[in-house]
Amino acid sequence: MITALASHFRDLDPKPIGGAPKNFVSTGKELYEKGVPAADVKPCSSCHGPDAKGDGESPRLAGQLHEYTVKTLLNWSKERGQDPANRDRSAIMKPILDSLTETDILAVAAYLSELE
C-alpha cells in the first residue's frame, strides 16, 4: 500500500505554491544534493531522487508546502516514530534529523517548496 501511495503522489506532479523564505533556497539545495558530510548525513536525493519526486517507498518531496515540511521534520520523533508497523522506515530518518539544525531543516524545506 505504501509503495502504491508513494507512486500515486509522485506521479501527480503539482506546481509549487512557493512562499518559503528565498534566502534559504540555495543552502537547502546544497543540503539536499550533498547532505552534511561532516555529520555523516547523506544527501536527501539518495533516497528521494535527484528531482525530489520520490524513489520507490521514499515519498515525493518536490513542491511540498514549506510549513508542512518544516513541521513534519521538526516533529518527526513525536509523530512518525510511534507506529510499530513503520518503525524501520521512521528509523532511517531519525538519525538524519538528529544531525540537522533547525536552520538546515528550514533551508531544505524552502528548497523543496520551490521544486516542480
PDB file of N, CA and C in Angstrom:
ATOM      1  N   MET A   1       0.815  -1.182   0.000  1.00  0.00           N
ATOM      2  CA  MET A   1       0.000   0.000   0.000  1.00  0.00           C
ATOM      3  C   MET A   1       0.870   1.261   0.000  1.00  0.00           C
ATOM      4  N   ILE A   2       1.938   1.259   0.800  1.00  0.00           N
ATOM      5  CA  ILE A   2       2.805   2.440   0.880  1.00  0.00           C
ATOM      6  C   ILE A   2       3.463   2.707  -0.469  1.00  0.00           C
ATOM      7  N   THR A   3       3.919   1.655  -1.123  1.00  0.00           N
ATOM      8  CA  THR A   3       4.548   1.822  -2.430  1.00  0.00           C
ATOM      9  C   THR A   3       3.551   2.393  -3.437  1.00  0.00           C
ATOM     10  N   ALA A   4       2.323   1.889  -3.405  1.00  0.00           N
ATOM     11  CA  ALA A   4       1.291   2.386  -4.317  1.00  0.00           C
ATOM     12  C   ALA A   4       0.980   3.852  -4.052  1.00  0.00           C
ATOM     13  N   LEU A   5       0.877   4.234  -2.782  1.00  0.00           N
ATOM     14  CA  LEU A   5       0.618   5.632  -2.446  1.00  0.00           C
ATOM     15  C   LEU A   5       1.780   6.530  -2.857  1.00  0.00           C
ATOM     16  N   ALA A   6       3.002   6.077  -2.605  1.00  0.00           N
ATOM     17  CA  ALA A   6       4.176   6.861  -2.995  1.00  0.00           C
ATOM     18  C   ALA A   6       4.191   7.060  -4.503  1.00  0.00           C
ATOM     19  N   SER A   7       3.883   6.020  -5.264  1.00  0.00           N
ATOM     20  CA  SER A   7       3.848   6.127  -6.727  1.00  0.00           C
ATOM     21  C   SER A   7       2.758   7.088  -7.177  1.00  0.00           C
ATOM     22  N   HIS A   8       1.600   6.989  -6.551  1.00  0.00           N
ATOM     23  CA  HIS A   8       0.487   7.861  -6.913  1.00  0.00           C
ATOM     24  C   HIS A   8       0.853   9.332  -6.719  1.00  0.00           C
ATOM     25  N   PHE A   9       1.359   9.676  -5.540  1.00  0.00           N
ATOM     26  CA  PHE A   9       1.694  11.065  -5.261  1.00  0.00           C
ATOM     27  C   PHE A   9       2.891  11.539  -6.064  1.00  0.00           C
ATOM     28  N   ARG A  10       3.843  10.644  -6.351  1.00  0.00           N
ATOM     29  CA  ARG A  10       4.995  11.008  -7.167  1.00  0.00           C
ATOM     30  C   ARG A  10       4.536  11.422  -8.564  1.00  0.00           C
ATOM     31  N   ASP A  11       3.530  10.731  -9.078  1.00  0.00           N
ATOM     32  CA  ASP A  11       3.072  10.975 -10.440  1.00  0.00           C
ATOM     33  C   ASP A  11       2.115  12.157 -10.581  1.00  0.00           C
ATOM     34  N   LEU A  12       1.664  12.758  -9.487  1.00  0.00           N
ATOM     35  CA  LEU A  12       0.742  13.889  -9.574  1.00  0.00           C
ATOM     36  C   LEU A  12       1.400  15.116 -10.191  1.00  0.00           C
ATOM     37  N   ASP A  13       2.660  15.348  -9.905  1.00  0.00           N
ATOM     38  CA  ASP A  13       3.445  16.436 -10.482  1.00  0.00           C
ATOM     39  C   ASP A  13       2.792  17.818 -10.339  1.00  0.00           C
ATOM     40  N   PRO A  14       2.457  18.222  -9.097  1.00  0.00           N
ATOM     41  CA  PRO A  14       1.820  19.523  -8.896  1.00  0.00           C
ATOM     42  C   PRO A  14       2.802  20.676  -9.080  1.00  0.00           C
ATOM     43  N   LYS A  15       2.263  21.823  -9.374  1.00  0.00           N
ATOM     44  CA  LYS A  15       3.075  23.040  -9.453  1.00  0.00           C
ATOM     45  C   LYS A  15       3.308  23.565  -8.041  1.00  0.00           C
ATOM     46  N   PRO A  16       4.518  24.024  -7.740  1.00  0.00           N
ATOM     47  CA  PRO A  16       4.789  24.523  -6.386  1.00  0.00           C
ATOM     48  C   PRO A  16       4.035  25.821  -6.105  1.00  0.00           C
ATOM     49  N   ILE A  17       3.605  25.967  -4.869  1.00  0.00           N
ATOM     50  CA  ILE A  17       2.912  27.181  -4.443  1.00  0.00           C
ATOM     51  C   ILE A  17       3.919  28.245  -4.048  1.00  0.00           C
ATOM     52  N   GLY A  18       5.077  27.806  -3.548  1.00  0.00           N
ATOM     53  CA  GLY A  18       6.109  28.748  -3.119  1.00  0.00           C
ATOM     54  C   GLY A  18       5.774  29.334  -1.760  1.00  0.00           C
ATOM     55  N   GLY A  19       6.306  30.518  -1.489  1.00  0.00           N
ATOM     56  CA  GLY A  19       6.033  31.195  -0.231  1.00  0.00           C
ATOM     57  C   GLY A  19       7.090  30.982   0.834  1.00  0.00           C
ATOM     58  N   ALA A  20       8.113  30.199   0.535  1.00  0.00           N
ATOM     59  CA  ALA A  20       9.182  29.960   1.516  1.00  0.00           C
ATOM     60  C   ALA A  20      10.184  31.111   1.452  1.00  0.00           C
ATOM     61  N   PRO A  21      10.948  31.291   2.518  1.00  0.00           N
ATOM     62  CA  PRO A  21      11.984  32.334   2.500  1.00  0.00           C
ATOM     63  C   PRO A  21      13.021  32.056   1.410  1.00  0.00           C
ATOM     64  N   LYS A  22      13.145  32.953   0.463  1.00  0.00           N
ATOM     65  CA  LYS A  22      14.042  32.765  -0.689  1.00  0.00           C
ATOM     66  C   LYS A  22      15.512  32.686  -0.277  1.00  0.00           C
ATOM     67  N   ASN A  23      15.874  33.344   0.819  1.00  0.00           N
ATOM     68  CA  ASN A  23      17.280  33.367   1.223  1.00  0.00           C
ATOM     69  C   ASN A  23      17.771  31.996   1.699  1.00  0.00           C
ATOM     70  N   PHE A  24      16.867  31.040   1.921  1.00  0.00           N
ATOM     71  CA  PHE A  24      17.259  29.702   2.350  1.00  0.00           C
ATOM     72  C   PHE A  24      17.381  28.701   1.199  1.00  0.00           C
ATOM     73  N   VAL A  25      16.857  29.041   0.028  1.00  0.00           N
ATOM     74  CA  VAL A  25      16.742  28.075  -1.061  1.00  0.00           C
ATOM     75  C   VAL A  25      18.091  27.519  -1.509  1.00  0.00           C
ATOM     76  N   SER A  26      19.095  28.347  -1.704  1.00  0.00           N
ATOM     77  CA  SER A  26      20.383  27.838  -2.196  1.00  0.00           C
ATOM     78  C   SER A  26      21.063  26.934  -1.165  1.00  0.00           C
ATOM     79  N   THR A  27      20.956  27.282   0.106  1.00  0.00           N
ATOM     80  CA  THR A  27      21.512  26.425   1.157  1.00  0.00           C
ATOM     81  C   THR A  27      20.758  25.102   1.200  1.00  0.00           C
ATOM     82  N   GLY A  28      19.440  25.158   1.066  1.00  0.00           N
ATOM     83  CA  GLY A  28      18.624  23.948   1.048  1.00  0.00           C
ATOM     84  C   GLY A  28      18.960  23.041  -0.115  1.00  0.00           C
ATOM     85  N   LYS A  29      19.227  23.635  -1.269  1.00  0.00           N
ATOM     86  CA  LYS A  29      19.618  22.850  -2.452  1.00  0.00           C
ATOM     87  C   LYS A  29      20.917  22.101  -2.176  1.00  0.00           C
ATOM     88  N   GLU A  30      21.871  22.786  -1.593  1.00  0.00           N
ATOM     89  CA  GLU A  30      23.159  22.155  -1.282  1.00  0.00           C
ATOM     90  C   GLU A  30      22.982  21.014  -0.278  1.00  0.00           C
ATOM     91  N   LEU A  31      22.187  21.231   0.751  1.00  0.00           N
ATOM     92  CA  LEU A  31      21.931  20.175   1.733  1.00  0.00           C
ATOM     93  C   LEU A  31      21.228  18.985   1.080  1.00  0.00           C
ATOM     94  N   TYR A  32      20.254  19.269   0.230  1.00  0.00           N
ATOM     95  CA  TYR A  32      19.508  18.202  -0.442  1.00  0.00           C
ATOM     96  C   TYR A  32      20.426  17.372  -1.334  1.00  0.00           C
ATOM     97  N   GLU A  33      21.298  18.039  -2.062  1.00  0.00           N
ATOM     98  CA  GLU A  33      22.159  17.347  -3.034  1.00  0.00           C
ATOM     99  C   GLU A  33      23.424  16.747  -2.431  1.00  0.00           C
ATOM    100  N   LYS A  34      23.960  17.363  -1.370  1.00  0.00           N
ATOM    101  CA  LYS A  34      25.255  16.920  -0.831  1.00  0.00           C
ATOM    102  C   LYS A  34      25.178  16.363   0.585  1.00  0.00           C
ATOM    103  N   GLY A  35      24.087  16.615   1.293  1.00  0.00           N
ATOM    104  CA  GLY A  35      23.983  16.195   2.680  1.00  0.00           C
ATOM    105  C   GLY A  35      24.888  17.030   3.566  1.00  0.00           C
ATOM    106  N   VAL A  36      25.304  16.438   4.681  1.00  0.00           N
ATOM    107  CA  VAL A  36      26.221  17.099   5.604  1.00  0.00           C
ATOM    108  C   VAL A  36      27.336  16.090   5.884  1.00  0.00           C
ATOM    109  N   PRO A  37      28.346  16.046   5.009  1.00  0.00           N
ATOM    110  CA  PRO A  37      29.407  15.046   5.171  1.00  0.00           C
ATOM    111  C   PRO A  37      30.072  15.060   6.545  1.00  0.00           C
ATOM    112  N   ALA A  38      30.270  16.234   7.126  1.00  0.00           N
ATOM    113  CA  ALA A  38      30.932  16.327   8.434  1.00  0.00           C
ATOM    114  C   ALA A  38      30.116  15.650   9.535  1.00  0.00           C
ATOM    115  N   ALA A  39      28.794  15.568   9.358  1.00  0.00           N
ATOM    116  CA  ALA A  39      27.921  14.926  10.347  1.00  0.00           C
ATOM    117  C   ALA A  39      27.485  13.535   9.876  1.00  0.00           C
ATOM    118  N   ASP A  40      28.082  13.065   8.785  1.00  0.00           N
ATOM    119  CA  ASP A  40      27.763  11.756   8.211  1.00  0.00           C
ATOM    120  C   ASP A  40      26.286  11.654   7.811  1.00  0.00           C
ATOM    121  N   VAL A  41      25.741  12.767   7.293  1.00  0.00           N
ATOM    122  CA  VAL A  41      24.364  12.798   6.805  1.00  0.00           C
ATOM    123  C   VAL A  41      24.412  12.734   5.285  1.00  0.00           C
ATOM    124  N   LYS A  42      23.855  11.658   4.738  1.00  0.00           N
ATOM    125  CA  LYS A  42      23.872  11.519   3.288  1.00  0.00           C
ATOM    126  C   LYS A  42      22.837  12.450   2.658  1.00  0.00           C
ATOM    127  N   PRO A  43      22.985  12.713   1.368  1.00  0.00           N
ATOM    128  CA  PRO A  43      22.065  13.627   0.691  1.00  0.00           C
ATOM    129  C   PRO A  43      20.633  13.105   0.688  1.00  0.00           C
ATOM    130  N   CYS A  44      19.676  14.000   0.795  1.00  0.00           N
ATOM    131  CA  CYS A  44      18.257  13.635   0.707  1.00  0.00           C
ATOM    132  C   CYS A  44      17.987  12.959  -0.638  1.00  0.00           C
ATOM    133  N   SER A  45      18.698  13.436  -1.662  1.00  0.00           N
ATOM    134  CA  SER A  45      18.495  12.921  -3.017  1.00  0.00           C
ATOM    135  C   SER A  45      18.824  11.437  -3.141  1.00  0.00           C
ATOM    136  N   SER A  46      19.629  10.911  -2.245  1.00  0.00           N
ATOM    137  CA  SER A  46      19.989   9.498  -2.346  1.00  0.00           C
ATOM    138  C   SER A  46      18.789   8.584  -2.105  1.00  0.00           C
ATOM    139  N   CYS A  47      17.783   9.050  -1.391  1.00  0.00           N
ATOM    140  CA  CYS A  47      16.560   8.259  -1.183  1.00  0.00           C
ATOM    141  C   CYS A  47      15.362   8.829  -1.948  1.00  0.00           C
ATOM    142  N   HIS A  48      15.260  10.156  -1.986  1.00  0.00           N
ATOM    143  CA  HIS A  48      14.083  10.798  -2.568  1.00  0.00           C
ATOM    144  C   HIS A  48      14.264  11.150  -4.041  1.00  0.00           C
ATOM    145  N   GLY A  49      15.432  10.855  -4.596  1.00  0.00           N
ATOM    146  CA  GLY A  49      15.697  11.106  -6.003  1.00  0.00           C
ATOM    147  C   GLY A  49      16.259  12.486  -6.260  1.00  0.00           C
ATOM    148  N   PRO A  50      17.001  12.648  -7.356  1.00  0.00           N
ATOM    149  CA  PRO A  50      17.642  13.930  -7.654  1.00  0.00           C
ATOM    150  C   PRO A  50      16.653  15.066  -7.901  1.00  0.00           C
ATOM    151  N   ASP A  51      15.434  14.715  -8.310  1.00  0.00           N
ATOM    152  CA  ASP A  51      14.423  15.733  -8.573  1.00  0.00           C
ATOM    153  C   ASP A  51      13.384  15.810  -7.443  1.00  0.00           C
ATOM    154  N   ALA A  52      13.604  15.040  -6.357  1.00  0.00           N
ATOM    155  CA  ALA A  52      12.731  15.005  -5.173  1.00  0.00           C
ATOM    156  C   ALA A  52      11.328  14.493  -5.489  1.00  0.00           C
ATOM    157  N   LYS A  53      11.218  13.690  -6.542  1.00  0.00           N
ATOM    158  CA  LYS A  53       9.905  13.165  -6.916  1.00  0.00           C
ATOM    159  C   LYS A  53       9.657  11.766  -6.366  1.00  0.00           C
ATOM    160  N   GLY A  54      10.501  11.339  -5.436  1.00  0.00           N
ATOM    161  CA  GLY A  54      10.306  10.048  -4.801  1.00  0.00           C
ATOM    162  C   GLY A  54      11.052   8.943  -5.538  1.00  0.00           C
ATOM    163  N   ASP A  55      11.310   7.896  -4.791  1.00  0.00           N
ATOM    164  CA  ASP A  55      12.035   6.769  -5.360  1.00  0.00           C
ATOM    165  C   ASP A  55      11.609   5.524  -4.595  1.00  0.00           C
ATOM    166  N   GLY A  56      10.793   4.686  -5.209  1.00  0.00           N
ATOM    167  CA  GLY A  56      10.299   3.505  -4.519  1.00  0.00           C
ATOM    168  C   GLY A  56       9.375   3.906  -3.386  1.00  0.00           C
ATOM    169  N   GLU A  57       9.733   3.528  -2.154  1.00  0.00           N
ATOM    170  CA  GLU A  57       8.904   3.850  -0.999  1.00  0.00           C
ATOM    171  C   GLU A  57       9.192   5.234  -0.425  1.00  0.00           C
ATOM    172  N   SER A  58      10.222   5.891  -0.901  1.00  0.00           N
ATOM    173  CA  SER A  58      10.518   7.247  -0.429  1.00  0.00           C
ATOM    174  C   SER A  58       9.545   8.214  -1.084  1.00  0.00           C
ATOM    175  N   PRO A  59       8.890   9.056  -0.298  1.00  0.00           N
ATOM    176  CA  PRO A  59       7.854   9.927  -0.856  1.00  0.00           C
ATOM    177  C   PRO A  59       8.398  11.091  -1.672  1.00  0.00           C
ATOM    178  N   ARG A  60       7.518  11.597  -2.495  1.00  0.00           N
ATOM    179  CA  ARG A  60       7.790  12.814  -3.248  1.00  0.00           C
ATOM    180  C   ARG A  60       7.894  13.974  -2.261  1.00  0.00           C
ATOM    181  N   LEU A  61       8.899  14.818  -2.447  1.00  0.00           N
ATOM    182  CA  LEU A  61       9.072  16.000  -1.608  1.00  0.00           C
ATOM    183  C   LEU A  61       8.960  17.282  -2.423  1.00  0.00           C
ATOM    184  N   ALA A  62       9.135  17.194  -3.723  1.00  0.00           N
ATOM    185  CA  ALA A  62       9.087  18.372  -4.592  1.00  0.00           C
ATOM    186  C   ALA A  62       7.725  19.046  -4.503  1.00  0.00           C
ATOM    187  N   GLY A  63       7.756  20.364  -4.265  1.00  0.00           N
ATOM    188  CA  GLY A  63       6.535  21.154  -4.242  1.00  0.00           C
ATOM    189  C   GLY A  63       5.766  21.113  -2.929  1.00  0.00           C
ATOM    190  N   GLN A  64       6.299  20.410  -1.928  1.00  0.00           N
ATOM    191  CA  GLN A  64       5.615  20.377  -0.633  1.00  0.00           C
ATOM    192  C   GLN A  64       5.577  21.781  -0.031  1.00  0.00           C
ATOM    193  N   LEU A  65       4.532  22.078   0.684  1.00  0.00           N
ATOM    194  CA  LEU A  65       4.437  23.363   1.366  1.00  0.00           C
ATOM    195  C   LEU A  65       5.552  23.491   2.401  1.00  0.00           C
ATOM    196  N   HIS A  66       6.186  24.633   2.425  1.00  0.00           N
ATOM    197  CA  HIS A  66       7.292  24.889   3.340  1.00  0.00           C
ATOM    198  C   HIS A  66       6.905  24.601   4.783  1.00  0.00           C
ATOM    199  N   GLU A  67       5.793  25.162   5.225  1.00  0.00           N
ATOM    200  CA  GLU A  67       5.376  24.999   6.616  1.00  0.00           C
ATOM    201  C   GLU A  67       5.124  23.537   6.958  1.00  0.00           C
ATOM    202  N   TYR A  68       4.522  22.800   6.039  1.00  0.00           N
ATOM    203  CA  TYR A  68       4.243  21.382   6.268  1.00  0.00           C
ATOM    204  C   TYR A  68       5.545  20.595   6.423  1.00  0.00           C
ATOM    205  N   THR A  69       6.499  20.837   5.539  1.00  0.00           N
ATOM    206  CA  THR A  69       7.764  20.111   5.595  1.00  0.00           C
ATOM    207  C   THR A  69       8.519  20.440   6.875  1.00  0.00           C
ATOM    208  N   VAL A  70       8.568  21.704   7.244  1.00  0.00           N
ATOM    209  CA  VAL A  70       9.256  22.102   8.475  1.00  0.00           C
ATOM    210  C   VAL A  70       8.611  21.415   9.674  1.00  0.00           C
ATOM    211  N   LYS A  71       7.296  21.497   9.786  1.00  0.00           N
ATOM    212  CA  LYS A  71       6.585  20.891  10.915  1.00  0.00           C
ATOM    213  C   LYS A  71       6.825  19.381  10.954  1.00  0.00           C
ATOM    214  N   THR A  72       6.731  18.732   9.819  1.00  0.00           N
ATOM    215  CA  THR A  72       6.914  17.281   9.767  1.00  0.00           C
ATOM    216  C   THR A  72       8.309  16.882  10.219  1.00  0.00           C
ATOM    217  N   LEU A  73       9.324  17.575   9.730  1.00  0.00           N
ATOM    218  CA  LEU A  73      10.698  17.216  10.081  1.00  0.00           C
ATOM    219  C   LEU A  73      11.041  17.562  11.519  1.00  0.00           C
ATOM    220  N   LEU A  74      10.567  18.707  11.996  1.00  0.00           N
ATOM    221  CA  LEU A  74      10.860  19.089  13.385  1.00  0.00           C
ATOM    222  C   LEU A  74      10.172  18.176  14.397  1.00  0.00           C
ATOM    223  N   ASN A  75       9.028  17.639  14.030  1.00  0.00           N
ATOM    224  CA  ASN A  75       8.258  16.796  14.945  1.00  0.00           C
ATOM    225  C   ASN A  75       8.358  15.306  14.618  1.00  0.00           C
ATOM    226  N   TRP A  76       9.340  14.932  13.832  1.00  0.00           N
ATOM    227  CA  TRP A  76       9.456  13.560  13.343  1.00  0.00           C
ATOM    228  C   TRP A  76       9.390  12.525  14.469  1.00  0.00           C
ATOM    229  N   SER A  77      10.195  12.676  15.480  1.00  0.00           N
ATOM    230  CA  SER A  77      10.256  11.683  16.554  1.00  0.00           C
ATOM    231  C   SER A  77       8.937  11.540  17.297  1.00  0.00           C
ATOM    232  N   LYS A  78       8.217  12.632  17.439  1.00  0.00           N
ATOM    233  CA  LYS A  78       6.948  12.603  18.166  1.00  0.00           C
ATOM    234  C   LYS A  78       5.806  12.060  17.317  1.00  0.00           C
ATOM    235  N   GLU A  79       5.849  12.320  16.011  1.00  0.00           N
ATOM    236  CA  GLU A  79       4.715  11.966  15.162  1.00  0.00           C
ATOM    237  C   GLU A  79       4.940  10.729  14.303  1.00  0.00           C
ATOM    238  N   ARG A  80       6.151  10.533  13.814  1.00  0.00           N
ATOM    239  CA  ARG A  80       6.392   9.456  12.857  1.00  0.00           C
ATOM    240  C   ARG A  80       6.949   8.181  13.472  1.00  0.00           C
ATOM    241  N   GLY A  81       7.678   8.315  14.538  1.00  0.00           N
ATOM    242  CA  GLY A  81       8.362   7.164  15.102  1.00  0.00           C
ATOM    243  C   GLY A  81       7.518   6.327  16.038  1.00  0.00           C
ATOM    244  N   GLN A  82       6.238   6.615  16.154  1.00  0.00           N
ATOM    245  CA  GLN A  82       5.402   5.932  17.128  1.00  0.00           C
ATOM    246  C   GLN A  82       4.677   4.708  16.578  1.00  0.00           C
ATOM    247  N   ASP A  83       4.576   4.579  15.283  1.00  0.00           N
ATOM    248  CA  ASP A  83       3.840   3.467  14.675  1.00  0.00           C
ATOM    249  C   ASP A  83       4.751   2.251  14.524  1.00  0.00           C
ATOM    250  N   PRO A  84       4.505   1.173  15.288  1.00  0.00           N
ATOM    251  CA  PRO A  84       5.382  -0.008  15.211  1.00  0.00           C
ATOM    252  C   PRO A  84       5.467  -0.592  13.802  1.00  0.00           C
ATOM    253  N   ALA A  85       4.409  -0.453  13.009  1.00  0.00           N
ATOM    254  CA  ALA A  85       4.417  -1.000  11.652  1.00  0.00           C
ATOM    255  C   ALA A  85       5.389  -0.254  10.744  1.00  0.00           C
ATOM    256  N   ASN A  86       5.680   0.996  11.058  1.00  0.00           N
ATOM    257  CA  ASN A  86       6.562   1.802  10.213  1.00  0.00           C
ATOM    258  C   ASN A  86       7.865   2.174  10.919  1.00  0.00           C
ATOM    259  N   ARG A  87       8.178   1.502  11.988  1.00  0.00           N
ATOM    260  CA  ARG A  87       9.343   1.868  12.779  1.00  0.00           C
ATOM    261  C   ARG A  87      10.641   1.797  11.971  1.00  0.00           C
ATOM    262  N   ASP A  88      10.786   0.803  11.092  1.00  0.00           N
ATOM    263  CA  ASP A  88      12.007   0.703  10.284  1.00  0.00           C
ATOM    264  C   ASP A  88      12.172   1.917   9.389  1.00  0.00           C
ATOM    265  N   ARG A  89      11.100   2.299   8.716  1.00  0.00           N
ATOM    266  CA  ARG A  89      11.145   3.453   7.821  1.00  0.00           C
ATOM    267  C   ARG A  89      11.404   4.731   8.614  1.00  0.00           C
ATOM    268  N   SER A  90      10.761   4.852   9.752  1.00  0.00           N
ATOM    269  CA  SER A  90      10.961   6.026  10.593  1.00  0.00           C
ATOM    270  C   SER A  90      12.373   6.083  11.142  1.00  0.00           C
ATOM    271  N   ALA A  91      12.948   4.919  11.410  1.00  0.00           N
ATOM    272  CA  ALA A  91      14.299   4.854  11.965  1.00  0.00           C
ATOM    273  C   ALA A  91      15.347   5.370  10.988  1.00  0.00           C
ATOM    274  N   ILE A  92      15.068   5.302   9.710  1.00  0.00           N
ATOM    275  CA  ILE A  92      16.003   5.808   8.700  1.00  0.00           C
ATOM    276  C   ILE A  92      16.163   7.319   8.839  1.00  0.00           C
ATOM    277  N   MET A  93      15.072   8.013   9.077  1.00  0.00           N
ATOM    278  CA  MET A  93      15.091   9.472   9.132  1.00  0.00           C
ATOM    279  C   MET A  93      15.573  10.028  10.469  1.00  0.00           C
ATOM    280  N   LYS A  94      15.331   9.336  11.559  1.00  0.00           N
ATOM    281  CA  LYS A  94      15.632   9.874  12.883  1.00  0.00           C
ATOM    282  C   LYS A  94      17.090  10.303  13.037  1.00  0.00           C
ATOM    283  N   PRO A  95      18.088   9.466  12.718  1.00  0.00           N
ATOM    284  CA  PRO A  95      19.471   9.929  12.891  1.00  0.00           C
ATOM    285  C   PRO A  95      19.827  11.100  11.971  1.00  0.00           C
ATOM    286  N   ILE A  96      19.207  11.156  10.825  1.00  0.00           N
ATOM    287  CA  ILE A  96      19.441  12.275   9.910  1.00  0.00           C
ATOM    288  C   ILE A  96      18.926  13.557  10.555  1.00  0.00           C
ATOM    289  N   LEU A  97      17.694  13.520  11.038  1.00  0.00           N
ATOM    290  CA  LEU A  97      17.092  14.712  11.636  1.00  0.00           C
ATOM    291  C   LEU A  97      17.777  15.112  12.931  1.00  0.00           C
ATOM    292  N   ASP A  98      18.299  14.140  13.656  1.00  0.00           N
ATOM    293  CA  ASP A  98      19.048  14.457  14.877  1.00  0.00           C
ATOM    294  C   ASP A  98      20.337  15.215  14.565  1.00  0.00           C
ATOM    295  N   SER A  99      20.832  15.068  13.337  1.00  0.00           N
ATOM    296  CA  SER A  99      22.089  15.712  12.937  1.00  0.00           C
ATOM    297  C   SER A  99      21.883  17.054  12.251  1.00  0.00           C
ATOM    298  N   LEU A 100      20.643  17.398  11.922  1.00  0.00           N
ATOM    299  CA  LEU A 100      20.361  18.663  11.247  1.00  0.00           C
ATOM    300  C   LEU A 100      19.938  19.721  12.260  1.00  0.00           C
ATOM    301  N   THR A 101      20.329  20.946  11.985  1.00  0.00           N
ATOM    302  CA  THR A 101      19.879  22.063  12.813  1.00  0.00           C
ATOM    303  C   THR A 101      18.502  22.511  12.324  1.00  0.00           C
ATOM    304  N   GLU A 102      17.844  23.321  13.122  1.00  0.00           N
ATOM    305  CA  GLU A 102      16.557  23.869  12.690  1.00  0.00           C
ATOM    306  C   GLU A 102      16.740  24.714  11.433  1.00  0.00           C
ATOM    307  N   THR A 103      17.830  25.420  11.336  1.00  0.00           N
ATOM    308  CA  THR A 103      18.117  26.223  10.141  1.00  0.00           C
ATOM    309  C   THR A 103      18.300  25.323   8.918  1.00  0.00           C
ATOM    310  N   ASP A 104      18.955  24.185   9.089  1.00  0.00           N
ATOM    311  CA  ASP A 104      19.100  23.223   7.986  1.00  0.00           C
ATOM    312  C   ASP A 104      17.729  22.764   7.495  1.00  0.00           C
ATOM    313  N   ILE A 105      16.863  22.459   8.440  1.00  0.00           N
ATOM    314  CA  ILE A 105      15.514  21.991   8.096  1.00  0.00           C
ATOM    315  C   ILE A 105      14.731  23.090   7.381  1.00  0.00           C
ATOM    316  N   LEU A 106      14.822  24.319   7.866  1.00  0.00           N
ATOM    317  CA  LEU A 106      14.158  25.441   7.191  1.00  0.00           C
ATOM    318  C   LEU A 106      14.668  25.596   5.765  1.00  0.00           C
ATOM    319  N   ALA A 107      15.977  25.419   5.576  1.00  0.00           N
ATOM    320  CA  ALA A 107      16.586  25.567   4.259  1.00  0.00           C
ATOM    321  C   ALA A 107      16.141  24.462   3.300  1.00  0.00           C
ATOM    322  N   VAL A 108      16.199  23.224   3.743  1.00  0.00           N
ATOM    323  CA  VAL A 108      15.774  22.105   2.889  1.00  0.00           C
ATOM    324  C   VAL A 108      14.302  22.269   2.512  1.00  0.00           C
ATOM    325  N   ALA A 109      13.473  22.642   3.487  1.00  0.00           N
ATOM    326  CA  ALA A 109      12.055  22.830   3.216  1.00  0.00           C
ATOM    327  C   ALA A 109      11.829  23.953   2.207  1.00  0.00           C
ATOM    328  N   ALA A 110      12.606  25.030   2.304  1.00  0.00           N
ATOM    329  CA  ALA A 110      12.480  26.139   1.346  1.00  0.00           C
ATOM    330  C   ALA A 110      12.829  25.676  -0.060  1.00  0.00           C
ATOM    331  N   TYR A 111      13.923  24.918  -0.191  1.00  0.00           N
ATOM    332  CA  TYR A 111      14.335  24.398  -1.494  1.00  0.00           C
ATOM    333  C   TYR A 111      13.248  23.488  -2.075  1.00  0.00           C
ATOM    334  N   LEU A 112      12.762  22.555  -1.273  1.00  0.00           N
ATOM    335  CA  LEU A 112      11.758  21.608  -1.756  1.00  0.00           C
ATOM    336  C   LEU A 112      10.474  22.300  -2.185  1.00  0.00           C
ATOM    337  N   SER A 113      10.096  23.358  -1.487  1.00  0.00           N
ATOM    338  CA  SER A 113       8.846  24.050  -1.817  1.00  0.00           C
ATOM    339  C   SER A 113       8.902  24.743  -3.176  1.00  0.00           C
ATOM    340  N   GLU A 114      10.109  24.966  -3.694  1.00  0.00           N
ATOM    341  CA  GLU A 114      10.268  25.638  -4.988  1.00  0.00           C
ATOM    342  C   GLU A 114      10.343  24.666  -6.172  1.00  0.00           C
ATOM    343  N   LEU A 115      10.506  23.370  -5.880  1.00  0.00           N
ATOM    344  CA  LEU A 115      10.690  22.387  -6.950  1.00  0.00           C
ATOM    345  C   LEU A 115       9.376  21.996  -7.599  1.00  0.00           C
ATOM    346  N   GLU A 116       9.425  21.771  -8.904  1.00  0.00           N
ATOM    347  CA  GLU A 116       8.243  21.250  -9.618  1.00  0.00           C
ATOM    348  C   GLU A 116       8.348  19.755  -9.728  1.00  0.00           C
TER     349      GLU A 116
END
